[in-house]
Protein backbone atom coordinates (compact mmCIF):
# COMPACT_ATOMS: atom_id res chain seq x y z
CA MET A 1 -28.63 40.07 4.98
CA ALA A 2 -25.16 41.61 5.37
CA ASP A 3 -23.36 43.10 2.30
CA TRP A 4 -20.88 40.31 2.02
CA GLN A 5 -23.54 37.69 1.96
CA ASN A 6 -25.19 39.54 -0.88
CA GLN A 7 -22.01 39.60 -2.84
CA LEU A 8 -21.39 35.91 -2.33
CA SER A 9 -24.83 34.84 -3.15
CA LYS A 10 -24.36 36.19 -6.76
CA LEU A 11 -21.00 34.19 -7.25
CA VAL A 12 -21.62 31.00 -9.14
CA TYR A 13 -18.07 30.09 -10.19
CA SER A 14 -14.71 31.73 -10.05
CA THR A 15 -11.18 30.98 -11.34
CA ASP A 16 -9.60 33.92 -9.50
CA SER A 17 -8.14 31.76 -6.84
CA GLY A 18 -5.61 29.95 -9.15
CA LYS A 19 -4.03 26.80 -8.21
CA ILE A 20 -4.10 25.37 -4.66
CA GLU A 21 -0.75 24.52 -3.26
CA ASP A 22 -0.24 21.44 -1.27
CA LYS A 23 1.20 22.10 2.14
CA LYS A 24 3.88 19.63 3.15
CA PRO A 25 5.14 19.25 6.67
CA THR A 26 8.31 21.43 7.19
CA ASN A 27 10.33 18.90 9.15
CA VAL A 28 9.75 15.77 6.95
CA GLN A 29 10.50 16.38 3.25
CA VAL A 30 11.71 13.68 0.94
CA GLY A 31 15.21 14.49 -0.33
CA GLU A 32 16.00 17.11 2.19
CA VAL A 33 17.96 17.23 5.36
CA TYR A 34 15.92 17.45 8.62
CA LYS A 35 16.14 20.86 10.27
CA ASP A 36 17.84 19.36 13.29
CA GLY A 37 20.63 17.87 11.12
CA PHE A 38 20.04 14.19 12.23
CA VAL A 39 19.75 11.21 9.92
CA ARG A 40 16.63 9.11 10.71
CA ILE A 41 16.61 5.33 10.84
CA SER A 42 13.15 3.80 10.90
CA ARG A 43 11.79 0.34 10.42
CA GLU A 44 8.99 -0.55 7.99
CA THR A 45 7.12 -3.87 7.05
CA LYS A 46 4.23 -2.41 5.15
CA GLY A 47 3.78 -3.92 1.66
CA ARG A 48 6.70 -6.41 2.20
CA LYS A 49 4.82 -9.41 3.46
CA GLY A 50 5.97 -8.95 7.01
CA LYS A 51 9.62 -8.71 6.15
CA GLY A 52 11.30 -5.68 7.84
CA VAL A 53 13.51 -3.14 6.24
CA MET A 54 15.31 -0.16 7.81
CA ILE A 55 14.67 3.06 6.02
CA ILE A 56 17.37 5.78 6.27
CA THR A 57 16.18 9.35 5.45
CA GLY A 58 17.66 12.79 5.85
CA ILE A 59 20.79 12.43 3.87
CA GLN A 60 21.25 14.74 0.91
CA LEU A 61 24.03 13.86 -1.51
CA PRO A 62 24.38 13.76 -5.31
CA ALA A 63 23.02 10.65 -6.86
CA ASP A 64 26.18 8.87 -7.53
CA GLU A 65 27.57 9.44 -4.00
CA PHE A 66 24.18 8.54 -2.55
CA LYS A 67 24.25 5.07 -4.31
CA LYS A 68 27.87 4.53 -3.11
CA LEU A 69 26.90 5.31 0.37
CA ALA A 70 24.05 2.64 0.12
CA GLN A 71 26.46 0.21 -1.23
CA THR A 72 28.81 0.79 1.72
CA LEU A 73 26.08 0.53 4.18
CA LYS A 74 24.88 -2.79 2.62
CA LYS A 75 28.43 -4.20 2.76
CA LYS A 76 29.22 -3.14 6.33
CA SER A 77 25.90 -4.41 7.63
CA GLY A 78 26.04 -7.66 5.58
CA THR A 79 22.75 -7.43 4.09
CA GLY A 80 20.89 -6.36 0.96
CA GLY A 81 18.92 -3.28 0.17
CA ALA A 82 18.01 -0.68 -2.29
CA VAL A 83 17.87 3.08 -3.05
CA LYS A 84 14.29 4.53 -3.62
CA ASP A 85 13.03 8.08 -3.61
CA ASP A 86 16.01 9.63 -1.87
CA GLN A 87 15.87 6.93 0.86
CA ILE A 88 18.10 3.97 1.52
CA GLU A 89 16.42 0.71 2.32
CA ILE A 90 18.48 -1.96 4.17
CA GLN A 91 17.07 -5.30 4.76
CA GLY A 92 16.80 -6.53 8.33
CA ASP A 93 16.04 -5.08 11.79
CA ASP A 94 19.48 -4.20 13.34
CA ARG A 95 18.99 -0.45 13.59
CA ASN A 96 21.71 -0.05 16.35
CA LYS A 97 24.30 -1.47 14.13
CA LEU A 98 23.31 0.72 11.33
CA GLN A 99 23.36 3.62 13.63
CA SER A 100 26.99 2.89 14.70
CA ILE A 101 28.06 2.46 11.15
CA LEU A 102 26.67 5.77 10.18
CA GLU A 103 28.00 7.54 13.24
CA ASP A 104 31.50 6.09 12.44
CA MET A 105 31.07 7.69 9.02
CA GLY A 106 30.38 11.16 10.54
CA TYR A 107 26.68 11.28 10.56
CA LYS A 108 24.38 12.26 13.49
CA CYS A 109 21.65 9.69 13.73
CA LYS A 110 18.43 9.08 15.52
CA ILE A 111 16.33 5.84 15.56
CA SER A 112 12.74 6.78 14.88
CA GLY A 113 9.49 4.80 15.14
CA GLY A 114 8.77 1.85 17.58
């Protein structure tokens, strides 16, 4: 047996390692802007009984300005929506219209997902 195997065979339990850090993907983090500077518009139906919503991620603003932006997007698109976990949810499936609204406001946008 090698020396390292002898040392490990005696180890029963150790707390030396400390806490294990969760590794998150670097390009997709909730509440932060994507590295390429684009705002992502995706569509999601999961958990909504088949009804689709558009999810806008990648905008980093203070809470009050973020809610005002969501309100403006809802008014201009003519639909309802909500703000959840640093994401804006807009009802419906007209991502191209939402992309043009955001681009008119000065954001660079990409449509993500299928």
